């Protein structure tokens, strides 16, 4: 409803009525009635003359002046609440209006705008209301008044810009109903898991056809800017591009495939429980929501793997074992120490990991409680008894293994004394002044060129046979080679 201001004529009429009433009172005649006021003795009766009315000309001038004053006051008040003449918003005239009336005018004008669809449109007419046309009418009307009020004559005739918008869903529905033959939906690019390659792959997009809502919006805005409220627009189909392009889908697939390379449950930097690509893919689905690709993770599927974590993560500590000599010097770390560990609460892991996966993070950090390992020293020694032709091996004073051997024959005696193992040779030829023995295996040197080694050319163990070395069965020689690192003490005696 348009806001109104009282016309100056109404005030003038009211003033004239008041003037007529005053004139009537001023010209009233006093009655010459002798009984009303008796004369005094000897006085002559008084004669009453009629009262002269004030000159009409002066009173008329006064009332005309008052009327013009009221009119001036009314015009001044109007200039304080109206938008300047000639003002337009988005091409729609709002001059001589209050902001409220202007907002209504903008909305109504836009709703009544007529669009005739030509060509395939067969001259079907749609209105702005059919298309969900809108403009920020109230805000623009208030801005127009604030910047271009009527009292500011320098701002008369101003053009205020305004953005026209069409509801994309409502507009497309109206256009589809009007020209169904112009619409063939495009197909978005998609991402899915290919079991044969173990990777996520892209299905390309396909273009379609449509009537462009954005171009129609621009055409309506242009028509309004030119002062019109109707226009023609082609209903012929134009190319409609898929919302999800091949590039969009490739970006998502690349991110997923990168995640497959590291996905799993971690303790520190260790991927303690890897997740294979097929299992990970069974957790993940790529969805298309209004033209945006996103990842949805199946929490229930993840939970099936979470249920196996305690068996895969928990372990007892493994104590370290170090081979040492009699003085305690470490010769070799026989067994690396490993802390024990136990997984904590798993009740929220599936939910938390699902949220991580949906954001593109495939690394889940497991919380565990660790039990430290302890270290054990193993004092290893070797004993060669030339009298019994026996080699024995001890660990912390306890006999571990013993074999019959063949030590040096007369003239090639195995030297007695206390020695330490100094070198290991997997296989080699052994030569002397009068012999060459090829491919002697598992050689463990302890005194110069004397060593424990495997012997394939005889089995007469328990009797002296060698050129000074300690001949042993091949399997026994390999055991010594592996069991006794450099630095192990060897005692040779009778």
Protein backbone atom coordinates (compact mmCIF):
# COMPACT_ATOMS: atom_id res chain seq x y z
CA UNK A 1 0.00 0.00 0.00
CA UNK A 2 1.36 3.44 -0.95
CA UNK A 3 2.07 5.78 1.98
CA UNK A 4 -0.02 9.00 1.68
CA UNK A 5 0.41 12.63 2.78
CA UNK A 6 -2.67 14.92 3.26
CA UNK A 7 -3.17 17.44 0.44
CA UNK A 8 -2.85 21.15 1.27
CA UNK A 9 -6.43 21.79 -0.02
CA UNK A 10 -7.90 19.97 2.94
CA UNK A 11 -6.28 22.35 5.36
CA UNK A 12 -7.49 25.34 3.35
CA UNK A 13 -11.09 24.11 3.49
CA UNK A 14 -10.93 23.72 7.26
CA UNK A 15 -9.56 27.27 7.68
CA UNK A 16 -12.30 28.74 5.44
CA UNK A 17 -15.00 27.04 7.51
CA UNK A 18 -13.54 28.59 10.66
CA UNK A 19 -13.49 32.04 9.02
CA UNK A 20 -17.16 31.86 8.01
CA UNK A 21 -18.15 31.00 11.56
CA UNK A 22 -16.19 33.97 12.90
CA UNK A 23 -17.85 36.36 10.42
CA UNK A 24 -21.29 35.28 11.49
CA UNK A 25 -20.57 36.06 15.12
CA UNK A 26 -19.07 39.44 14.31
CA UNK A 27 -22.15 40.72 12.41
CA UNK A 28 -24.82 39.73 14.96
CA UNK A 29 -27.43 42.59 15.63
CA UNK A 30 -28.29 43.64 19.21
CA UNK A 31 -32.06 43.85 19.85
CA UNK A 32 -33.42 47.37 20.76
CA UNK A 33 -35.71 46.12 23.51
CA UNK A 34 -36.77 48.79 26.16
CA UNK A 35 -37.37 46.08 28.71
CA UNK A 36 -33.93 44.75 28.40
CA UNK A 37 -32.30 47.83 30.06
CA UNK A 38 -34.62 50.66 31.31
CA UNK A 39 -33.30 54.25 30.77
CA UNK A 40 -32.51 56.44 33.70
CA UNK A 41 -34.84 59.38 34.65
CA UNK A 42 -34.54 62.20 32.21
CA UNK A 43 -32.28 60.24 29.91
CA UNK A 44 -33.06 59.76 26.32
CA UNK A 45 -33.46 56.20 25.04
CA UNK A 46 -30.20 54.80 23.60
CA UNK A 47 -30.06 54.02 19.91
CA UNK A 48 -27.84 50.99 19.04
CA UNK A 49 -25.93 51.02 15.79
CA UNK A 50 -24.92 47.76 14.07
CA UNK A 51 -21.28 46.64 14.51
CA UNK A 52 -19.12 47.28 11.45
CA UNK A 53 -17.57 44.03 10.19
CA UNK A 54 -13.80 43.95 9.67
CA UNK A 55 -12.79 44.47 6.07
CA UNK A 56 -13.10 41.18 4.23
CA UNK A 57 -10.05 41.90 2.11
CA UNK A 58 -7.63 41.85 5.05
CA UNK A 59 -9.07 38.65 6.55
CA UNK A 60 -8.98 36.92 3.14
CA UNK A 61 -5.30 37.77 2.78
CA UNK A 62 -4.61 36.31 6.20
CA UNK A 63 -6.31 33.01 5.38
CA UNK A 64 -4.64 32.73 2.00
CA UNK A 65 -1.30 33.24 3.72
CA UNK A 66 -2.13 30.53 6.25
CA UNK A 67 -3.15 28.13 3.48
CA UNK A 68 0.08 28.64 1.60
CA UNK A 69 2.00 28.11 4.82
CA UNK A 70 0.28 24.78 5.46
CA UNK A 71 0.96 23.78 1.88
CA UNK A 72 4.63 24.68 2.26
CA UNK A 73 4.83 22.75 5.49
CA UNK A 74 3.22 19.72 3.79
CA UNK A 75 5.64 19.83 0.89
CA UNK A 76 8.58 20.16 3.27
CA UNK A 77 7.41 17.17 5.29
CA UNK A 78 6.94 15.14 2.11
CA UNK A 79 10.47 15.92 0.99
CA UNK A 80 11.72 14.34 4.18
CA UNK A 81 10.09 10.91 3.60
CA UNK A 82 10.04 10.45 -0.18
CA UNK A 83 12.66 9.20 -2.63
CA UNK A 84 13.83 11.82 -5.11
CA UNK A 85 11.88 12.12 -8.38
CA UNK A 86 13.34 10.21 -11.30
CA UNK A 87 15.16 7.68 -9.11
CA UNK A 88 15.31 4.10 -10.44
CA UNK A 89 16.49 0.88 -8.85
CA UNK A 90 17.68 -1.76 -11.33
CA UNK A 91 15.79 0.25 -13.97
CA UNK A 92 12.50 0.28 -11.98
CA UNK A 93 11.11 3.73 -11.12
CA UNK A 94 10.79 4.48 -7.38
CA UNK A 95 10.67 8.30 -7.44
CA UNK A 96 8.01 10.12 -5.34
CA UNK A 97 7.69 6.96 -3.15
CA UNK A 98 8.43 6.16 0.45
CA UNK A 99 10.94 3.33 1.00
CA UNK A 100 8.11 0.96 1.90
CA UNK A 101 6.16 1.77 -1.25
CA UNK A 102 9.36 1.51 -3.30
CA UNK A 103 10.12 -1.98 -1.92
CA UNK A 104 6.61 -3.13 -2.89
CA UNK A 105 6.98 -1.57 -6.33
CA UNK A 106 10.30 -3.36 -6.94
CA UNK A 107 8.97 -6.78 -5.89
CA UNK A 108 5.72 -6.41 -7.84
CA UNK A 109 7.41 -5.10 -10.98
CA UNK A 110 9.86 -8.00 -10.96
CA UNK A 111 7.15 -10.60 -10.30
CA UNK A 112 5.04 -9.22 -13.18
CA UNK A 113 7.90 -9.10 -15.70
CA UNK A 114 6.96 -11.27 -18.71
CA UNK A 115 9.38 -13.51 -20.60
CA UNK A 116 8.28 -14.86 -23.98
CA UNK A 117 10.21 -18.00 -24.98
CA UNK A 118 10.83 -17.94 -28.71
CA UNK A 119 11.91 -20.69 -31.11
CA UNK A 120 11.47 -24.06 -29.45
CA UNK A 121 9.68 -22.17 -26.67
CA UNK A 122 6.70 -21.67 -29.02
CA UNK A 123 6.01 -18.23 -27.52
CA UNK A 124 5.20 -19.59 -24.08
CA UNK A 125 5.07 -16.74 -21.56
CA UNK A 126 6.61 -17.03 -18.10
CA UNK A 127 6.54 -14.36 -15.42
CA UNK A 128 9.21 -13.34 -12.99
CA UNK A 129 7.14 -15.03 -10.28
CA UNK A 130 7.16 -18.29 -12.28
CA UNK A 131 10.96 -18.12 -12.45
CA UNK A 132 11.50 -17.26 -8.79
CA UNK A 133 12.84 -13.80 -9.69
CA UNK A 134 13.97 -11.78 -6.69
CA UNK A 135 15.78 -8.64 -5.68
CA UNK A 136 16.76 -7.30 -2.25
CA UNK A 137 13.87 -4.86 -2.49
CA UNK A 138 13.72 -3.47 1.05
CA UNK A 139 17.46 -2.93 1.40
CA UNK A 140 17.71 -1.29 -2.03
CA UNK A 141 14.70 0.95 -1.35
CA UNK A 142 16.20 2.04 1.97
CA UNK A 143 19.54 2.72 0.28
CA UNK A 144 17.83 4.71 -2.49
CA UNK A 145 16.09 6.91 0.07
CA UNK A 146 19.22 7.30 2.20
CA UNK A 147 21.37 8.43 -0.73
CA UNK A 148 18.69 10.10 -2.89
CA UNK A 149 16.01 11.73 -0.66
CA UNK A 150 13.52 14.09 -2.28
CA UNK A 151 14.80 17.13 -0.40
CA UNK A 152 18.22 16.80 -2.04
CA UNK A 153 17.48 18.22 -5.47
CA UNK A 154 21.03 17.42 -6.63
CA UNK A 155 20.24 13.71 -6.41
CA UNK A 156 17.06 13.74 -8.52
CA UNK A 157 17.06 11.37 -11.47
CA UNK A 158 19.63 8.93 -10.03
CA UNK A 159 19.95 5.31 -11.19
CA UNK A 160 20.63 2.83 -8.38
CA UNK A 161 22.03 -0.58 -9.46
CA UNK A 162 20.44 -3.76 -8.12
CA UNK A 163 21.15 -7.45 -8.66
CA UNK A 164 18.37 -9.57 -10.10
CA UNK A 165 18.40 -13.27 -9.16
CA UNK A 166 16.41 -16.27 -10.31
CA UNK A 167 15.81 -19.26 -8.05
CA UNK A 168 17.86 -21.87 -10.00
CA UNK A 169 15.63 -24.79 -9.02
CA UNK A 170 12.30 -23.00 -9.59
CA UNK A 171 13.51 -21.41 -12.83
CA UNK A 172 14.74 -24.71 -14.27
CA UNK A 173 11.51 -26.46 -13.34
CA UNK A 174 9.46 -23.73 -15.04
CA UNK A 175 11.66 -23.86 -18.16
CA UNK A 176 11.53 -27.67 -18.28
CA UNK A 177 7.75 -27.61 -18.07
CA UNK A 178 7.58 -24.96 -20.79
CA UNK A 179 10.13 -26.48 -23.22
CA UNK A 180 10.86 -30.12 -22.25
CA UNK A 181 12.54 -30.88 -25.60
CA UNK A 182 15.35 -28.41 -24.83
CA UNK A 183 16.54 -30.40 -21.82
CA UNK A 184 18.78 -33.45 -21.77
CA UNK A 185 20.60 -33.88 -18.48
CA UNK A 186 24.41 -33.97 -18.56
CA UNK A 187 26.18 -36.84 -16.78
CA UNK A 188 28.69 -35.97 -14.07
CA UNK A 189 32.12 -37.57 -14.05
CA UNK A 190 32.33 -40.29 -11.39
CA UNK A 191 34.97 -42.13 -9.35
CA UNK A 192 34.85 -45.85 -8.50
CA UNK A 193 37.22 -48.61 -7.41
CA UNK A 194 38.61 -50.97 -10.04
CA UNK A 195 39.42 -54.32 -8.43
CA UNK A 196 41.54 -55.43 -11.41
CA UNK A 197 44.05 -52.59 -10.96
CA UNK A 198 43.48 -52.02 -7.26
CA UNK A 199 42.96 -48.29 -7.85
CA UNK A 200 40.20 -45.72 -8.06
CA UNK A 201 39.39 -44.80 -11.67
CA UNK A 202 37.39 -42.03 -13.38
CA UNK A 203 34.27 -42.44 -15.51
CA UNK A 204 34.23 -39.41 -17.87
CA UNK A 205 31.42 -36.85 -17.86
CA UNK A 206 28.91 -36.34 -20.70
CA UNK A 207 27.47 -32.97 -21.82
CA UNK A 208 23.72 -32.34 -22.08
CA UNK A 209 21.38 -29.55 -23.19
CA UNK A 210 19.36 -26.94 -21.31
CA UNK A 211 18.09 -23.36 -21.37
CA UNK A 212 20.66 -21.27 -19.53
CA UNK A 213 19.22 -19.81 -16.32
CA UNK A 214 22.22 -17.53 -15.89
CA UNK A 215 21.81 -16.07 -19.39
CA UNK A 216 18.08 -15.60 -18.79
CA UNK A 217 18.88 -13.77 -15.55
CA UNK A 218 21.19 -11.41 -17.44
CA UNK A 219 18.53 -10.83 -20.11
CA UNK A 220 15.88 -9.92 -17.51
CA UNK A 221 18.29 -7.54 -15.79
CA UNK A 222 19.10 -5.88 -19.12
CA UNK A 223 15.41 -5.46 -19.99
CA UNK A 224 14.63 -3.89 -16.63
CA UNK A 225 17.66 -1.62 -16.91
CA UNK A 226 16.19 -0.32 -20.18
CA UNK A 227 12.94 0.49 -18.39
CA UNK A 228 10.93 -2.44 -19.74
CA UNK A 229 9.01 -5.19 -18.03
CA UNK A 230 8.85 -7.74 -20.84
CA UNK A 231 11.34 -9.44 -23.11
CA UNK A 232 11.85 -12.30 -25.53
CA UNK A 233 14.30 -15.11 -24.85
CA UNK A 234 15.25 -18.10 -26.98
CA UNK A 235 13.90 -21.45 -25.83
CA UNK A 236 16.35 -23.32 -28.05
CA UNK A 237 18.68 -25.80 -26.28
CA UNK A 238 22.22 -24.79 -25.43
CA UNK A 239 25.08 -26.97 -24.20
CA UNK A 240 24.84 -27.93 -20.54
CA UNK A 241 28.15 -28.81 -18.90
CA UNK A 242 28.24 -31.50 -16.22
CA UNK A 243 28.58 -30.17 -12.69
CA UNK A 244 31.41 -32.61 -11.98
CA UNK A 245 34.10 -32.33 -14.65
CA UNK A 246 36.69 -34.94 -15.57
CA UNK A 247 39.32 -32.78 -13.85
CA UNK A 248 37.25 -32.69 -10.65
CA UNK A 249 36.92 -36.47 -10.65
CA UNK A 250 40.62 -36.97 -11.45
CA UNK A 251 41.58 -34.83 -8.45
CA UNK A 252 39.44 -36.98 -6.15
CA UNK A 253 40.72 -40.26 -7.64
CA UNK A 254 44.34 -39.13 -7.32
CA UNK A 255 43.79 -38.21 -3.67
CA UNK A 256 42.19 -41.59 -2.94
CA UNK A 257 44.93 -43.56 -4.68
CA UNK A 258 47.58 -41.63 -2.76
CA UNK A 259 45.76 -42.47 0.45
CA UNK A 260 45.66 -46.17 -0.49
CA UNK A 261 49.45 -46.21 -0.48
CA UNK A 262 49.68 -45.32 3.22
CA UNK A 263 46.33 -46.24 4.75
CA UNK A 264 46.50 -48.17 8.00
CA UNK A 265 46.84 -48.12 11.77
CA UNK A 266 50.11 -46.65 13.01
CA UNK A 267 52.18 -46.71 16.18
CA UNK A 268 54.54 -43.77 15.77
CA UNK A 269 56.04 -43.99 12.27
CA UNK A 270 55.38 -47.73 12.01
CA UNK A 271 52.41 -48.85 9.95
CA UNK A 272 51.62 -51.59 12.43
CA UNK A 273 48.42 -52.77 10.73
CA UNK A 274 48.37 -52.00 6.98
CA UNK A 275 45.03 -52.01 5.18
CA UNK A 276 45.06 -53.46 1.65
CA UNK A 277 43.51 -51.52 -1.21
CA UNK A 278 40.49 -53.80 -1.66
CA UNK A 279 39.59 -53.61 2.04
CA UNK A 280 40.04 -49.85 2.11
CA UNK A 281 37.88 -49.49 -1.01
CA UNK A 282 35.13 -51.51 0.68
CA UNK A 283 35.06 -48.83 3.39
CA UNK A 284 34.87 -45.86 0.98
CA UNK A 285 32.21 -44.60 -1.40
CA UNK A 286 32.54 -41.53 -3.62
CA UNK A 287 29.21 -39.64 -3.71
CA UNK A 288 27.99 -36.81 -5.91
CA UNK A 289 26.07 -34.22 -3.88
CA UNK A 290 24.71 -31.37 -6.02
CA UNK A 291 27.75 -31.49 -8.28
CA UNK A 292 30.32 -31.86 -5.50
CA UNK A 293 32.22 -35.14 -5.08
CA UNK A 294 32.78 -36.28 -1.51
CA UNK A 295 33.92 -39.40 0.36
CA UNK A 296 31.61 -41.35 2.67
CA UNK A 297 33.23 -43.93 4.96
CA UNK A 298 31.34 -46.99 6.24
CA UNK A 299 31.90 -47.04 9.99
CA UNK A 300 30.48 -50.56 10.40
CA UNK A 301 32.91 -51.95 7.79
CA UNK A 302 35.84 -50.24 9.53
CA UNK A 303 34.73 -51.72 12.84
CA UNK A 304 35.30 -55.25 11.50
CA UNK A 305 39.01 -54.47 11.12
CA UNK A 306 39.16 -52.57 14.42
CA UNK A 307 37.95 -55.73 16.17
CA UNK A 308 41.12 -57.53 15.02
CA UNK A 309 43.54 -54.86 16.28
CA UNK A 310 44.27 -56.26 19.77
CA UNK A 311 45.47 -59.56 18.30
CA UNK A 312 47.62 -57.72 15.76
CA UNK A 313 49.01 -55.03 18.04
CA UNK A 314 49.42 -56.55 21.49
CA UNK A 315 52.69 -58.38 22.25
CA UNK A 316 54.87 -59.41 25.16
CA UNK A 317 58.25 -57.74 25.58
CA UNK A 318 61.24 -59.42 23.91
CA UNK A 319 64.34 -59.16 26.06
CA UNK A 320 67.63 -58.13 24.50
CA UNK A 321 70.47 -60.69 24.47
CA UNK A 322 74.08 -59.58 24.00
CA UNK A 323 77.02 -61.89 23.40
CA UNK A 324 79.88 -60.73 25.65
CA UNK A 325 83.36 -61.90 26.57
CA UNK A 326 84.47 -62.77 30.10
CA UNK A 327 85.11 -59.10 30.90
CA UNK A 328 81.60 -58.09 29.84
CA UNK A 329 82.47 -56.43 26.54
CA UNK A 330 79.57 -56.70 24.09
CA UNK A 331 80.65 -58.65 21.02
CA UNK A 332 77.32 -58.82 19.26
CA UNK A 333 73.67 -58.04 19.92
CA UNK A 334 72.28 -61.53 19.61
CA UNK A 335 68.65 -60.52 20.03
CA UNK A 336 67.30 -56.99 19.68
CA UNK A 337 65.16 -55.93 22.60
CA UNK A 338 61.51 -55.12 21.84
CA UNK A 339 59.14 -53.39 24.22
CA UNK A 340 55.86 -55.09 24.94
CA UNK A 341 52.67 -53.19 24.13
CA UNK A 342 48.91 -53.34 24.63
CA UNK A 343 46.30 -51.34 22.70
CA UNK A 344 44.04 -49.05 24.66
CA UNK A 345 40.30 -48.38 24.32
CA UNK A 346 39.09 -49.22 20.78
CA UNK A 347 35.43 -48.21 21.16
CA UNK A 348 35.78 -44.90 19.24
CA UNK A 349 38.38 -45.90 16.66
CA UNK A 350 35.95 -46.79 13.84
CA UNK A 351 34.04 -43.52 14.21
CA UNK A 352 37.20 -41.42 14.41
CA UNK A 353 38.88 -43.17 11.49
CA UNK A 354 35.75 -42.78 9.34
CA UNK A 355 35.86 -39.01 9.91
CA UNK A 356 39.58 -38.93 9.03
CA UNK A 357 39.06 -40.89 5.83
CA UNK A 358 36.26 -38.58 4.71
CA UNK A 359 38.69 -35.67 5.06
CA UNK A 360 41.38 -37.52 3.07
CA UNK A 361 43.57 -38.70 5.97
CA UNK A 362 44.28 -42.46 5.91
CA UNK A 363 46.76 -42.63 8.81
CA UNK A 364 45.25 -43.56 12.18
CA UNK A 365 47.50 -43.27 15.23
CA UNK A 366 46.91 -46.06 17.75
CA UNK A 367 47.37 -45.41 21.47
CA UNK A 368 49.24 -48.21 23.24
CA UNK A 369 50.73 -48.88 26.67
CA UNK A 370 54.33 -50.16 26.48
CA UNK A 371 56.21 -52.58 28.75
CA UNK A 372 60.02 -52.04 28.57
CA UNK A 373 62.28 -54.99 27.74
CA UNK A 374 65.28 -56.04 29.80
CA UNK A 375 68.79 -57.02 28.62
CA UNK A 376 70.62 -60.34 29.19
CA UNK A 377 74.37 -60.92 28.72
CA UNK A 378 75.55 -64.20 27.19
CA UNK A 379 79.19 -65.08 28.01
CA UNK A 380 80.23 -67.50 25.27
CA UNK A 381 83.47 -69.52 25.30
CA UNK A 382 84.97 -72.39 23.28
CA UNK A 383 87.09 -75.23 24.67
CA UNK A 384 89.27 -77.56 22.53
CA UNK A 385 90.58 -80.64 24.35
CA UNK A 386 93.37 -82.12 22.26
CA UNK A 387 93.59 -85.18 24.52
CA UNK A 388 89.97 -86.20 23.90
CA UNK A 389 89.79 -84.64 20.42
CA UNK A 390 86.67 -82.79 21.49
CA UNK A 391 85.45 -79.19 20.93
CA UNK A 392 82.90 -77.91 23.47
CA UNK A 393 80.98 -74.63 23.56
CA UNK A 394 79.63 -72.89 26.67
CA UNK A 395 77.17 -70.08 27.38
CA UNK A 396 77.24 -68.52 30.84
CA UNK A 397 79.16 -71.60 32.00
CA UNK A 398 76.61 -74.05 30.66
CA UNK A 399 77.51 -76.55 27.94
CA UNK A 400 75.59 -75.80 24.76
CA UNK A 401 77.18 -78.13 22.17
CA UNK A 402 80.10 -80.55 21.79
CA UNK A 403 81.60 -82.53 18.85
CA UNK A 404 84.46 -84.87 18.12
CA UNK A 405 87.10 -83.16 16.02
CA UNK A 406 90.33 -83.86 14.19
CA UNK A 407 93.18 -81.58 15.29
CA UNK A 408 96.69 -81.27 13.82
CA UNK A 409 98.68 -84.42 13.10
CA UNK A 410 102.26 -84.71 14.36
CA UNK A 411 104.40 -82.11 12.65
CA UNK A 412 101.31 -79.94 12.14
CA UNK A 413 100.20 -79.67 15.77
CA UNK A 414 97.35 -77.43 16.78
CA UNK A 415 98.89 -74.86 19.12
CA UNK A 416 97.74 -74.73 22.71
CA UNK A 417 96.89 -71.54 24.58
CA UNK A 418 94.13 -68.96 25.08
CA UNK A 419 92.96 -67.18 21.95
CA UNK A 420 90.00 -65.17 20.63
CA UNK A 421 88.08 -65.65 17.42
CA UNK A 422 89.32 -63.05 14.95
CA UNK A 423 87.68 -63.67 11.58
CA UNK A 424 84.98 -65.53 9.64
CA UNK A 425 85.22 -66.72 6.02
CA UNK A 426 82.24 -68.36 4.35
CA UNK A 427 84.28 -70.56 1.95
CA UNK A 428 87.87 -70.57 0.73
CA UNK A 429 90.73 -72.67 -0.74
CA UNK A 430 93.38 -73.76 1.79
CA UNK A 431 96.97 -74.29 0.60
CA UNK A 432 100.12 -75.60 2.20
CA UNK A 433 103.56 -76.67 1.06
CA UNK A 434 102.32 -80.04 0.01
CA UNK A 435 98.56 -79.69 -0.36
CA UNK A 436 95.68 -77.66 -1.80
CA UNK A 437 92.18 -78.13 -0.44
CA UNK A 438 89.45 -76.42 -2.48
CA UNK A 439 86.27 -74.79 -1.15
CA UNK A 440 86.68 -75.30 2.56
CA UNK A 441 83.41 -74.11 4.16
CA UNK A 442 82.51 -72.21 7.34
CA UNK A 443 85.97 -71.11 8.42
CA UNK A 444 86.26 -69.45 11.88
CA UNK A 445 89.85 -68.29 12.64
CA UNK A 446 91.06 -68.10 16.26
CA UNK A 447 94.91 -68.34 16.12
CA UNK A 448 96.81 -67.11 13.08
CA UNK A 449 95.95 -69.49 10.27
CA UNK A 450 94.42 -72.10 12.57
CA UNK A 451 90.60 -72.25 12.54
CA UNK A 452 87.48 -74.29 13.07
CA UNK A 453 86.17 -75.36 9.65
CA UNK A 454 83.97 -77.87 7.91
CA UNK A 455 85.57 -81.01 6.48
CA UNK A 456 84.17 -82.91 3.52
CA UNK A 457 87.23 -85.06 2.64
CA UNK A 458 87.12 -87.33 5.69
CA UNK A 459 84.83 -88.36 8.56
CA UNK A 460 87.52 -89.80 10.89
CA UNK A 461 86.67 -87.37 13.69
CA UNK A 462 88.13 -88.10 17.10
CA UNK A 463 91.60 -88.67 15.59
CA UNK A 464 94.34 -86.22 14.62
CA UNK A 465 94.16 -85.63 10.86
CA UNK A 466 94.68 -81.93 10.00
CA UNK A 467 97.47 -79.57 9.15
CA UNK A 468 96.80 -77.66 12.40
CA UNK A 469 93.16 -76.57 12.03
CA UNK A 470 90.25 -78.06 13.97
CA UNK A 471 88.40 -80.23 11.48
CA UNK A 472 84.68 -80.55 12.19
CA UNK A 473 81.57 -81.97 10.52
CA UNK A 474 80.24 -79.37 8.08
CA UNK A 475 77.02 -78.83 10.05
CA UNK A 476 79.00 -78.35 13.28
CA UNK A 477 81.37 -75.89 11.59
CA UNK A 478 78.44 -73.83 10.34
CA UNK A 479 76.96 -73.76 13.85
CA UNK A 480 80.24 -72.45 15.31
CA UNK A 481 80.52 -69.91 12.45
CA UNK A 482 77.06 -68.50 13.34
CA UNK A 483 77.24 -68.89 17.13
CA UNK A 484 80.66 -67.42 17.97
CA UNK A 485 81.28 -63.80 16.88
CA UNK A 486 84.68 -62.20 16.73
CA UNK A 487 86.08 -61.81 20.26
CA UNK A 488 84.77 -65.09 21.71
CA UNK A 489 87.51 -66.68 23.82
CA UNK A 490 88.95 -70.08 22.79
CA UNK A 491 90.99 -72.30 25.09
CA UNK A 492 93.14 -75.03 23.44
CA UNK A 493 94.76 -77.56 25.80
CA UNK A 494 95.57 -81.19 26.50
